[in-house]
Amino acid sequence: ALKAEEADQLLNAAALARKMPKRAYAIVRLALDLGLRSGEIAHLNLNDIDWQAGTLMLRGTKTFRQDVVPLPAETGKALADYLQHERPAIRHPVVFVRQVAGRSLPITSWAIQKVIKRSCHRIGLPDASSHDLRHTVACRLVERGCSLKEVADVLRHRSLNSTLIYAKLDTPKLAAVALPWPGSKA
């Protein structure tokens, strides 16, 4: 998982992308703020955003369900900024587009991963990936005192065992607050 300062650096790096910085920033915000998978970001359509309610409808999920998730204000601002100032005026309802041979096409999950990977590389994290941002979300929630069930709900996991993999605990921090074993001298 990324540390808080690395997450901030990642957002800044995305905003400074050479090509389509507003798109890169919005993509990284969605992954870092909501823990969205690359495919979920790629499948977002304009009608999936409920600006009044402040929610996103996720249709392209790994579990083939439709999920409604809250849209944080900062993430919503990043999306709006991209849509108003950088997204090409095309009829396709997909939120994120890419330019291929002068044509605007829906973005792919691979392209989403590439946008995130480039931002990670710019801040000196060449091995970090889009998947690491889901781990970051899970670890942040655990650090804030959220239950494993709450983390599972945010990540949209059906099994708590899946969530355990994402919400890895900080063992050195836990050792510092661990109580002595009953009957032991320490």
N, C-alpha and C. Protein backbone atom coordinates (compact mmCIF):
# COMPACT_ATOMS: atom_id res chain seq x y z
N ALA A 1 0.84 -1.20 0.00
CA ALA A 1 0.00 0.00 0.00
C ALA A 1 0.88 1.24 0.00
N LEU A 2 0.37 2.30 -0.60
CA LEU A 2 1.10 3.55 -0.63
C LEU A 2 0.94 4.29 0.69
N LYS A 3 1.99 4.97 1.10
CA LYS A 3 1.92 5.84 2.26
C LYS A 3 1.14 7.09 1.86
N ALA A 4 0.68 7.85 2.85
CA ALA A 4 -0.12 9.04 2.57
C ALA A 4 0.62 10.03 1.67
N GLU A 5 1.91 10.24 1.94
CA GLU A 5 2.66 11.20 1.11
C GLU A 5 2.87 10.67 -0.31
N GLU A 6 3.00 9.35 -0.46
CA GLU A 6 3.12 8.77 -1.80
C GLU A 6 1.82 8.92 -2.57
N ALA A 7 0.70 8.76 -1.88
CA ALA A 7 -0.61 8.94 -2.53
C ALA A 7 -0.76 10.38 -3.02
N ASP A 8 -0.35 11.34 -2.20
CA ASP A 8 -0.41 12.75 -2.62
C ASP A 8 0.50 13.00 -3.80
N GLN A 9 1.71 12.43 -3.77
CA GLN A 9 2.64 12.58 -4.88
C GLN A 9 2.07 11.96 -6.15
N LEU A 10 1.39 10.84 -6.00
CA LEU A 10 0.80 10.16 -7.15
C LEU A 10 -0.27 11.03 -7.80
N LEU A 11 -1.11 11.65 -6.99
CA LEU A 11 -2.14 12.54 -7.54
C LEU A 11 -1.49 13.72 -8.26
N ASN A 12 -0.45 14.28 -7.66
CA ASN A 12 0.26 15.40 -8.31
C ASN A 12 0.91 14.97 -9.61
N ALA A 13 1.50 13.78 -9.62
CA ALA A 13 2.14 13.26 -10.83
C ALA A 13 1.12 13.04 -11.94
N ALA A 14 -0.05 12.54 -11.58
CA ALA A 14 -1.10 12.32 -12.58
C ALA A 14 -1.54 13.64 -13.18
N ALA A 15 -1.67 14.66 -12.33
CA ALA A 15 -2.10 15.98 -12.81
C ALA A 15 -1.07 16.63 -13.73
N LEU A 16 0.15 16.13 -13.71
CA LEU A 16 1.22 16.67 -14.57
C LEU A 16 1.52 15.77 -15.76
N ALA A 17 0.64 14.83 -16.05
CA ALA A 17 0.85 13.93 -17.19
C ALA A 17 1.00 14.75 -18.48
N ARG A 18 1.87 14.25 -19.37
CA ARG A 18 2.10 14.96 -20.64
C ARG A 18 0.83 15.02 -21.49
N LYS A 19 0.18 13.88 -21.62
CA LYS A 19 -1.05 13.81 -22.43
C LYS A 19 -2.25 13.65 -21.52
N MET A 20 -3.24 14.46 -21.69
CA MET A 20 -4.51 14.38 -20.99
C MET A 20 -4.35 14.31 -19.46
N PRO A 21 -3.77 15.34 -18.87
CA PRO A 21 -3.54 15.32 -17.41
C PRO A 21 -4.82 15.30 -16.58
N LYS A 22 -5.89 15.92 -17.06
CA LYS A 22 -7.14 15.92 -16.30
C LYS A 22 -7.75 14.51 -16.29
N ARG A 23 -7.61 13.81 -17.42
CA ARG A 23 -8.08 12.42 -17.48
C ARG A 23 -7.26 11.55 -16.52
N ALA A 24 -5.94 11.70 -16.55
CA ALA A 24 -5.06 10.91 -15.67
C ALA A 24 -5.39 11.18 -14.21
N TYR A 25 -5.59 12.44 -13.87
CA TYR A 25 -5.90 12.80 -12.49
C TYR A 25 -7.23 12.18 -12.04
N ALA A 26 -8.24 12.26 -12.89
CA ALA A 26 -9.56 11.70 -12.55
C ALA A 26 -9.46 10.18 -12.39
N ILE A 27 -8.70 9.53 -13.25
CA ILE A 27 -8.54 8.08 -13.18
C ILE A 27 -7.85 7.68 -11.87
N VAL A 28 -6.76 8.36 -11.54
CA VAL A 28 -6.05 8.04 -10.30
C VAL A 28 -6.93 8.33 -9.09
N ARG A 29 -7.69 9.41 -9.13
CA ARG A 29 -8.60 9.72 -8.01
C ARG A 29 -9.61 8.61 -7.81
N LEU A 30 -10.21 8.12 -8.89
CA LEU A 30 -11.20 7.05 -8.78
C LEU A 30 -10.59 5.79 -8.18
N ALA A 31 -9.38 5.47 -8.59
CA ALA A 31 -8.71 4.28 -8.06
C ALA A 31 -8.29 4.47 -6.61
N LEU A 32 -7.78 5.64 -6.29
CA LEU A 32 -7.23 5.90 -4.96
C LEU A 32 -8.31 6.26 -3.93
N ASP A 33 -9.37 6.92 -4.35
CA ASP A 33 -10.42 7.33 -3.42
C ASP A 33 -11.48 6.25 -3.22
N LEU A 34 -11.77 5.50 -4.28
CA LEU A 34 -12.85 4.51 -4.21
C LEU A 34 -12.38 3.07 -4.31
N GLY A 35 -11.12 2.87 -4.65
CA GLY A 35 -10.61 1.52 -4.81
C GLY A 35 -11.19 0.82 -6.03
N LEU A 36 -11.54 1.59 -7.06
CA LEU A 36 -12.12 0.98 -8.25
C LEU A 36 -11.08 0.20 -9.03
N ARG A 37 -11.51 -0.90 -9.59
CA ARG A 37 -10.66 -1.70 -10.48
C ARG A 37 -10.53 -0.98 -11.82
N SER A 38 -9.50 -1.33 -12.57
CA SER A 38 -9.28 -0.70 -13.88
C SER A 38 -10.48 -0.91 -14.81
N GLY A 39 -11.02 -2.11 -14.80
CA GLY A 39 -12.17 -2.39 -15.65
C GLY A 39 -13.40 -1.59 -15.26
N GLU A 40 -13.57 -1.36 -13.97
CA GLU A 40 -14.71 -0.56 -13.50
C GLU A 40 -14.58 0.88 -13.96
N ILE A 41 -13.36 1.40 -13.93
CA ILE A 41 -13.13 2.77 -14.40
C ILE A 41 -13.36 2.84 -15.91
N ALA A 42 -12.84 1.86 -16.63
CA ALA A 42 -12.98 1.85 -18.09
C ALA A 42 -14.44 1.75 -18.54
N HIS A 43 -15.27 1.06 -17.76
CA HIS A 43 -16.67 0.85 -18.15
C HIS A 43 -17.61 1.95 -17.69
N LEU A 44 -17.11 2.98 -17.02
CA LEU A 44 -17.99 4.06 -16.57
C LEU A 44 -18.59 4.80 -17.76
N ASN A 45 -19.89 4.99 -17.70
CA ASN A 45 -20.60 5.77 -18.71
C ASN A 45 -21.10 7.06 -18.09
N LEU A 46 -21.37 8.03 -18.93
CA LEU A 46 -21.84 9.33 -18.45
C LEU A 46 -23.11 9.19 -17.62
N ASN A 47 -24.02 8.30 -18.03
CA ASN A 47 -25.27 8.14 -17.28
C ASN A 47 -25.10 7.33 -16.00
N ASP A 48 -23.87 6.87 -15.71
CA ASP A 48 -23.58 6.17 -14.45
C ASP A 48 -23.30 7.16 -13.32
N ILE A 49 -23.13 8.42 -13.66
CA ILE A 49 -22.82 9.44 -12.66
C ILE A 49 -24.11 10.16 -12.29
N ASP A 50 -24.48 10.09 -11.02
CA ASP A 50 -25.64 10.83 -10.52
C ASP A 50 -25.09 12.02 -9.73
N TRP A 51 -25.00 13.15 -10.40
CA TRP A 51 -24.40 14.34 -9.80
C TRP A 51 -25.24 14.83 -8.62
N GLN A 52 -26.56 14.74 -8.73
CA GLN A 52 -27.44 15.21 -7.65
C GLN A 52 -27.27 14.39 -6.38
N ALA A 53 -27.25 13.06 -6.54
CA ALA A 53 -27.13 12.16 -5.38
C ALA A 53 -25.68 11.99 -4.94
N GLY A 54 -24.74 12.34 -5.83
CA GLY A 54 -23.33 12.16 -5.51
C GLY A 54 -22.93 10.69 -5.47
N THR A 55 -23.37 9.94 -6.51
CA THR A 55 -23.07 8.51 -6.57
C THR A 55 -22.60 8.10 -7.96
N LEU A 56 -21.97 6.94 -8.00
CA LEU A 56 -21.58 6.29 -9.25
C LEU A 56 -22.25 4.93 -9.31
N MET A 57 -22.74 4.55 -10.47
CA MET A 57 -23.26 3.21 -10.70
C MET A 57 -22.14 2.43 -11.39
N LEU A 58 -21.72 1.34 -10.79
CA LEU A 58 -20.68 0.50 -11.38
C LEU A 58 -21.35 -0.68 -12.06
N ARG A 59 -21.15 -0.77 -13.37
CA ARG A 59 -21.77 -1.86 -14.12
C ARG A 59 -20.75 -2.89 -14.58
N GLY A 60 -19.56 -2.47 -14.90
CA GLY A 60 -18.54 -3.38 -15.41
C GLY A 60 -17.72 -3.97 -14.30
N THR A 61 -18.39 -4.61 -13.32
CA THR A 61 -17.67 -5.11 -12.16
C THR A 61 -17.21 -6.55 -12.37
N LYS A 62 -16.26 -6.94 -11.57
CA LYS A 62 -15.71 -8.30 -11.63
C LYS A 62 -16.78 -9.34 -11.32
N THR A 63 -17.72 -8.99 -10.46
CA THR A 63 -18.75 -9.94 -10.04
C THR A 63 -20.02 -9.83 -10.88
N PHE A 64 -19.99 -9.00 -11.91
CA PHE A 64 -21.12 -8.81 -12.83
C PHE A 64 -22.38 -8.29 -12.14
N ARG A 65 -22.17 -7.58 -11.02
CA ARG A 65 -23.29 -6.94 -10.32
C ARG A 65 -23.28 -5.47 -10.67
N GLN A 66 -24.38 -4.82 -10.33
CA GLN A 66 -24.43 -3.36 -10.40
C GLN A 66 -24.32 -2.86 -8.96
N ASP A 67 -23.36 -2.00 -8.74
CA ASP A 67 -23.16 -1.44 -7.41
C ASP A 67 -23.23 0.07 -7.48
N VAL A 68 -23.86 0.68 -6.49
CA VAL A 68 -23.89 2.13 -6.38
C VAL A 68 -22.93 2.50 -5.26
N VAL A 69 -21.98 3.39 -5.58
CA VAL A 69 -21.00 3.82 -4.58
C VAL A 69 -21.05 5.34 -4.46
N PRO A 70 -20.73 5.85 -3.27
CA PRO A 70 -20.71 7.31 -3.11
C PRO A 70 -19.57 7.92 -3.92
N LEU A 71 -19.80 9.11 -4.41
CA LEU A 71 -18.80 9.85 -5.18
C LEU A 71 -18.28 11.00 -4.31
N PRO A 72 -17.06 10.83 -3.75
CA PRO A 72 -16.52 11.91 -2.92
C PRO A 72 -16.41 13.22 -3.70
N ALA A 73 -16.53 14.33 -3.00
CA ALA A 73 -16.53 15.64 -3.64
C ALA A 73 -15.29 15.88 -4.50
N GLU A 74 -14.11 15.57 -3.97
CA GLU A 74 -12.86 15.80 -4.72
C GLU A 74 -12.80 14.94 -5.98
N THR A 75 -13.29 13.73 -5.88
CA THR A 75 -13.31 12.83 -7.03
C THR A 75 -14.30 13.35 -8.07
N GLY A 76 -15.45 13.81 -7.60
CA GLY A 76 -16.45 14.39 -8.49
C GLY A 76 -15.92 15.63 -9.21
N LYS A 77 -15.18 16.47 -8.48
CA LYS A 77 -14.59 17.67 -9.10
C LYS A 77 -13.59 17.28 -10.19
N ALA A 78 -12.80 16.25 -9.92
CA ALA A 78 -11.81 15.79 -10.92
C ALA A 78 -12.52 15.26 -12.16
N LEU A 79 -13.59 14.50 -11.97
CA LEU A 79 -14.37 13.99 -13.11
C LEU A 79 -14.99 15.13 -13.91
N ALA A 80 -15.60 16.07 -13.20
CA ALA A 80 -16.24 17.21 -13.88
C ALA A 80 -15.23 18.03 -14.65
N ASP A 81 -14.06 18.26 -14.07
CA ASP A 81 -13.01 19.02 -14.73
C ASP A 81 -12.59 18.33 -16.03
N TYR A 82 -12.39 17.02 -15.97
CA TYR A 82 -12.03 16.26 -17.18
C TYR A 82 -13.15 16.34 -18.23
N LEU A 83 -14.38 16.11 -17.80
CA LEU A 83 -15.50 16.10 -18.74
C LEU A 83 -15.70 17.47 -19.40
N GLN A 84 -15.53 18.53 -18.65
CA GLN A 84 -15.77 19.87 -19.18
C GLN A 84 -14.62 20.42 -20.01
N HIS A 85 -13.38 20.03 -19.68
CA HIS A 85 -12.24 20.70 -20.30
C HIS A 85 -11.32 19.84 -21.14
N GLU A 86 -11.48 18.54 -21.08
CA GLU A 86 -10.50 17.72 -21.80
C GLU A 86 -11.11 16.59 -22.62
N ARG A 87 -12.25 16.09 -22.22
CA ARG A 87 -12.86 14.98 -22.96
C ARG A 87 -13.33 15.46 -24.32
N PRO A 88 -12.95 14.73 -25.38
CA PRO A 88 -13.42 15.11 -26.72
C PRO A 88 -14.94 15.04 -26.80
N ALA A 89 -15.52 15.88 -27.60
CA ALA A 89 -16.97 15.90 -27.79
C ALA A 89 -17.35 14.77 -28.74
N ILE A 90 -17.67 13.62 -28.16
CA ILE A 90 -18.09 12.47 -28.97
C ILE A 90 -19.44 12.00 -28.46
N ARG A 91 -20.13 11.24 -29.28
CA ARG A 91 -21.47 10.76 -28.91
C ARG A 91 -21.44 9.54 -28.00
N HIS A 92 -20.35 8.83 -28.00
CA HIS A 92 -20.27 7.60 -27.18
C HIS A 92 -20.43 7.99 -25.71
N PRO A 93 -21.22 7.21 -24.95
CA PRO A 93 -21.49 7.57 -23.55
C PRO A 93 -20.37 7.25 -22.57
N VAL A 94 -19.30 6.63 -23.01
CA VAL A 94 -18.22 6.26 -22.09
C VAL A 94 -17.57 7.53 -21.54
N VAL A 95 -17.20 7.50 -20.25
CA VAL A 95 -16.59 8.66 -19.61
C VAL A 95 -15.19 8.91 -20.15
N PHE A 96 -14.36 7.87 -20.12
CA PHE A 96 -12.97 8.04 -20.50
C PHE A 96 -12.72 7.54 -21.92
N VAL A 97 -12.05 8.38 -22.69
CA VAL A 97 -11.74 8.03 -24.08
C VAL A 97 -10.23 8.12 -24.30
N ARG A 98 -9.80 7.48 -25.36
CA ARG A 98 -8.39 7.53 -25.76
C ARG A 98 -8.33 7.87 -27.25
N GLN A 99 -7.22 8.42 -27.65
CA GLN A 99 -7.03 8.78 -29.05
C GLN A 99 -6.22 7.70 -29.74
N VAL A 100 -6.77 7.12 -30.80
CA VAL A 100 -6.08 6.11 -31.59
C VAL A 100 -6.21 6.51 -33.06
N ALA A 101 -5.07 6.79 -33.67
CA ALA A 101 -5.03 7.17 -35.08
C ALA A 101 -6.01 8.32 -35.38
N GLY A 102 -6.02 9.30 -34.48
CA GLY A 102 -6.87 10.47 -34.69
C GLY A 102 -8.34 10.26 -34.36
N ARG A 103 -8.69 9.10 -33.86
CA ARG A 103 -10.09 8.81 -33.51
C ARG A 103 -10.23 8.68 -32.01
N SER A 104 -11.36 9.11 -31.49
CA SER A 104 -11.66 8.97 -30.06
C SER A 104 -12.41 7.67 -29.84
N LEU A 105 -11.82 6.80 -29.04
CA LEU A 105 -12.41 5.50 -28.75
C LEU A 105 -12.55 5.30 -27.25
N PRO A 106 -13.47 4.42 -26.83
CA PRO A 106 -13.56 4.13 -25.39
C PRO A 106 -12.23 3.59 -24.88
N ILE A 107 -11.88 3.98 -23.69
CA ILE A 107 -10.63 3.53 -23.08
C ILE A 107 -10.77 2.07 -22.67
N THR A 108 -9.67 1.38 -22.60
CA THR A 108 -9.67 -0.02 -22.17
C THR A 108 -9.13 -0.11 -20.74
N SER A 109 -9.37 -1.23 -20.09
CA SER A 109 -8.84 -1.40 -18.73
C SER A 109 -7.31 -1.43 -18.77
N TRP A 110 -6.74 -1.95 -19.84
CA TRP A 110 -5.29 -1.96 -19.99
C TRP A 110 -4.76 -0.53 -20.06
N ALA A 111 -5.45 0.34 -20.78
CA ALA A 111 -5.03 1.75 -20.88
C ALA A 111 -5.16 2.44 -19.52
N ILE A 112 -6.18 2.10 -18.75
CA ILE A 112 -6.33 2.65 -17.39
C ILE A 112 -5.12 2.25 -16.55
N GLN A 113 -4.77 0.96 -16.61
CA GLN A 113 -3.61 0.47 -15.86
C GLN A 113 -2.34 1.21 -16.27
N LYS A 114 -2.22 1.48 -17.55
CA LYS A 114 -1.04 2.18 -18.08
C LYS A 114 -0.96 3.62 -17.57
N VAL A 115 -2.09 4.30 -17.51
CA VAL A 115 -2.14 5.67 -16.98
C VAL A 115 -1.65 5.68 -15.53
N ILE A 116 -2.14 4.75 -14.74
CA ILE A 116 -1.76 4.67 -13.33
C ILE A 116 -0.30 4.28 -13.20
N LYS A 117 0.13 3.31 -13.99
CA LYS A 117 1.53 2.85 -13.95
C LYS A 117 2.49 3.99 -14.28
N ARG A 118 2.15 4.80 -15.28
CA ARG A 118 3.01 5.93 -15.65
C ARG A 118 3.12 6.94 -14.50
N SER A 119 2.00 7.21 -13.85
CA SER A 119 2.02 8.14 -12.71
C SER A 119 2.88 7.58 -11.58
N CYS A 120 2.75 6.28 -11.32
CA CYS A 120 3.57 5.64 -10.28
C CYS A 120 5.04 5.72 -10.63
N HIS A 121 5.34 5.49 -11.88
CA HIS A 121 6.74 5.53 -12.33
C HIS A 121 7.33 6.93 -12.15
N ARG A 122 6.53 7.97 -12.42
CA ARG A 122 7.01 9.35 -12.29
C ARG A 122 7.39 9.72 -10.86
N ILE A 123 6.82 9.04 -9.88
CA ILE A 123 7.16 9.36 -8.48
C ILE A 123 8.14 8.36 -7.88
N GLY A 124 8.73 7.54 -8.75
CA GLY A 124 9.75 6.62 -8.28
C GLY A 124 9.22 5.31 -7.73
N LEU A 125 8.04 4.91 -8.14
CA LEU A 125 7.46 3.62 -7.73
C LEU A 125 7.21 2.77 -8.98
N PRO A 126 8.30 2.32 -9.63
CA PRO A 126 8.14 1.60 -10.90
C PRO A 126 7.42 0.26 -10.77
N ASP A 127 7.43 -0.32 -9.57
CA ASP A 127 6.77 -1.62 -9.38
C ASP A 127 5.32 -1.50 -8.93
N ALA A 128 4.87 -0.28 -8.64
CA ALA A 128 3.49 -0.09 -8.19
C ALA A 128 2.54 -0.20 -9.38
N SER A 129 1.31 -0.62 -9.08
CA SER A 129 0.32 -0.82 -10.14
C SER A 129 -1.05 -0.32 -9.68
N SER A 130 -1.99 -0.40 -10.57
CA SER A 130 -3.36 0.03 -10.24
C SER A 130 -3.93 -0.82 -9.11
N HIS A 131 -3.53 -2.06 -9.05
CA HIS A 131 -4.03 -2.95 -8.01
C HIS A 131 -3.55 -2.51 -6.62
N ASP A 132 -2.36 -1.92 -6.58
CA ASP A 132 -1.82 -1.44 -5.30
C ASP A 132 -2.68 -0.32 -4.72
N LEU A 133 -3.41 0.38 -5.57
CA LEU A 133 -4.27 1.46 -5.08
C LEU A 133 -5.46 0.89 -4.32
N ARG A 134 -5.94 -0.29 -4.71
CA ARG A 134 -7.00 -0.96 -3.94
C ARG A 134 -6.47 -1.36 -2.56
N HIS A 135 -5.24 -1.85 -2.53
CA HIS A 135 -4.62 -2.19 -1.24
C HIS A 135 -4.50 -0.94 -0.38
N THR A 136 -4.15 0.17 -1.00
CA THR A 136 -4.01 1.43 -0.27
C THR A 136 -5.34 1.83 0.37
N VAL A 137 -6.42 1.73 -0.39
CA VAL A 137 -7.74 2.06 0.14
C VAL A 137 -8.07 1.16 1.32
N ALA A 138 -7.84 -0.14 1.17
CA ALA A 138 -8.15 -1.08 2.25
C ALA A 138 -7.34 -0.77 3.51
N CYS A 139 -6.06 -0.53 3.33
CA CYS A 139 -5.21 -0.25 4.50
C CYS A 139 -5.59 1.06 5.18
N ARG A 140 -5.94 2.07 4.40
CA ARG A 140 -6.40 3.34 4.98
C ARG A 140 -7.63 3.13 5.85
N LEU A 141 -8.56 2.33 5.33
CA LEU A 141 -9.79 2.08 6.07
C LEU A 141 -9.52 1.35 7.38
N VAL A 142 -8.63 0.35 7.32
CA VAL A 142 -8.27 -0.39 8.54
C VAL A 142 -7.61 0.55 9.54
N GLU A 143 -6.70 1.41 9.05
CA GLU A 143 -6.03 2.36 9.94
C GLU A 143 -7.00 3.33 10.60
N ARG A 144 -8.09 3.64 9.91
CA ARG A 144 -9.10 4.55 10.46
C ARG A 144 -10.06 3.83 11.40
N GLY A 145 -9.88 2.53 11.58
CA GLY A 145 -10.70 1.79 12.51
C GLY A 145 -11.92 1.12 11.91
N CYS A 146 -12.00 1.05 10.60
CA CYS A 146 -13.14 0.37 9.96
C CYS A 146 -13.03 -1.13 10.17
N SER A 147 -14.18 -1.76 10.28
CA SER A 147 -14.20 -3.22 10.43
C SER A 147 -13.87 -3.87 9.10
N LEU A 148 -13.52 -5.14 9.15
CA LEU A 148 -13.22 -5.89 7.93
C LEU A 148 -14.44 -5.94 7.02
N LYS A 149 -15.63 -6.02 7.61
CA LYS A 149 -16.87 -6.04 6.83
C LYS A 149 -17.04 -4.72 6.09
N GLU A 150 -16.72 -3.61 6.75
CA GLU A 150 -16.84 -2.30 6.10
C GLU A 150 -15.84 -2.18 4.94
N VAL A 151 -14.64 -2.69 5.13
CA VAL A 151 -13.64 -2.67 4.07
C VAL A 151 -14.13 -3.53 2.90
N ALA A 152 -14.69 -4.70 3.20
CA ALA A 152 -15.22 -5.59 2.16
C ALA A 152 -16.33 -4.89 1.37
N ASP A 153 -17.16 -4.14 2.07
CA ASP A 153 -18.25 -3.42 1.39
C ASP A 153 -17.70 -2.36 0.45
N VAL A 154 -16.69 -1.62 0.89
CA VAL A 154 -16.11 -0.56 0.04
C VAL A 154 -15.46 -1.19 -1.20
N LEU A 155 -14.73 -2.29 -1.00
CA LEU A 155 -14.05 -2.94 -2.12
C LEU A 155 -14.98 -3.84 -2.93
N ARG A 156 -16.21 -4.00 -2.45
CA ARG A 156 -17.23 -4.81 -3.10
C ARG A 156 -16.81 -6.27 -3.21
N HIS A 157 -16.27 -6.81 -2.10
CA HIS A 157 -15.90 -8.21 -2.03
C HIS A 157 -17.07 -9.01 -1.48
N ARG A 158 -17.28 -10.17 -2.02
CA ARG A 158 -18.31 -11.07 -1.49
C ARG A 158 -17.77 -11.85 -0.30
N SER A 159 -16.47 -12.08 -0.29
CA SER A 159 -15.86 -12.91 0.76
C SER A 159 -14.92 -12.06 1.61
N LEU A 160 -15.02 -12.22 2.91
CA LEU A 160 -14.09 -11.54 3.82
C LEU A 160 -12.66 -12.04 3.63
N ASN A 161 -12.51 -13.28 3.14
CA ASN A 161 -11.17 -13.81 2.89
C ASN A 161 -10.46 -13.00 1.81
N SER A 162 -11.19 -12.55 0.82
CA SER A 162 -10.60 -11.68 -0.21
C SER A 162 -10.14 -10.38 0.41
N THR A 163 -10.94 -9.85 1.30
CA THR A 163 -10.61 -8.58 1.94
C THR A 163 -9.38 -8.71 2.82
N LEU A 164 -9.22 -9.84 3.48
CA LEU A 164 -8.04 -10.06 4.32
C LEU A 164 -6.74 -9.90 3.53
N ILE A 165 -6.76 -10.32 2.28
CA ILE A 165 -5.59 -10.21 1.42
C ILE A 165 -5.26 -8.74 1.17
N TYR A 166 -6.28 -7.91 0.98
CA TYR A 166 -6.09 -6.49 0.69
C TYR A 166 -5.72 -5.69 1.92
N ALA A 167 -6.35 -6.01 3.02
CA ALA A 167 -6.18 -5.22 4.24
C ALA A 167 -5.08 -5.80 5.11
N LYS A 168 -3.89 -5.91 4.55
CA LYS A 168 -2.76 -6.44 5.30
C LYS A 168 -2.48 -5.54 6.49
N LEU A 169 -2.24 -6.15 7.61
CA LEU A 169 -2.01 -5.39 8.83
C LEU A 169 -0.55 -5.00 8.97
N ASP A 170 -0.30 -3.91 9.64
CA ASP A 170 1.05 -3.43 9.91
C ASP A 170 1.55 -4.12 11.17
N THR A 171 2.25 -5.25 11.00
CA THR A 171 2.68 -6.07 12.12
C THR A 171 3.57 -5.32 13.11
N PRO A 172 4.57 -4.53 12.66
CA PRO A 172 5.37 -3.79 13.65
C PRO A 172 4.54 -2.85 14.53
N LYS A 173 3.54 -2.18 13.95
CA LYS A 173 2.68 -1.31 14.75
C LYS A 173 1.85 -2.12 15.73
N LEU A 174 1.37 -3.27 15.29
CA LEU A 174 0.58 -4.12 16.18
C LEU A 174 1.42 -4.64 17.33
N ALA A 175 2.68 -4.98 17.07
CA ALA A 175 3.56 -5.49 18.12
C ALA A 175 3.77 -4.44 19.21
N ALA A 176 3.78 -3.18 18.80
CA ALA A 176 4.00 -2.10 19.77
C ALA A 176 2.83 -1.95 20.74
N VAL A 177 1.64 -2.35 20.34
CA VAL A 177 0.47 -2.19 21.20
C VAL A 177 -0.05 -3.53 21.74
N ALA A 178 0.62 -4.62 21.41
CA ALA A 178 0.16 -5.94 21.84
C ALA A 178 0.25 -6.09 23.35
N LEU A 179 -0.72 -6.74 23.91
CA LEU A 179 -0.72 -7.02 25.34
C LEU A 179 0.09 -8.28 25.59
N PRO A 180 0.69 -8.41 26.78
CA PRO A 180 1.44 -9.63 27.07
C PRO A 180 0.51 -10.84 27.14
N TRP A 181 1.04 -11.97 26.77
CA TRP A 181 0.27 -13.21 26.81
C TRP A 181 -0.03 -13.55 28.27
N PRO A 182 -1.26 -13.95 28.58
CA PRO A 182 -1.61 -14.27 29.98
C PRO A 182 -0.65 -15.31 30.56
N GLY A 183 -0.10 -15.02 31.74
CA GLY A 183 0.81 -15.92 32.40
C GLY A 183 2.27 -15.73 32.03
N SER A 184 2.54 -14.87 31.03
CA SER A 184 3.93 -14.64 30.64
C SER A 184 4.53 -13.56 31.53
N LYS A 185 5.87 -13.45 31.54
CA LYS A 185 6.56 -12.48 32.36
C LYS A 185 6.54 -11.09 31.73
N ALA A 186 6.41 -10.99 30.43
CA ALA A 186 6.49 -9.70 29.75
C ALA A 186 5.16 -9.01 29.68
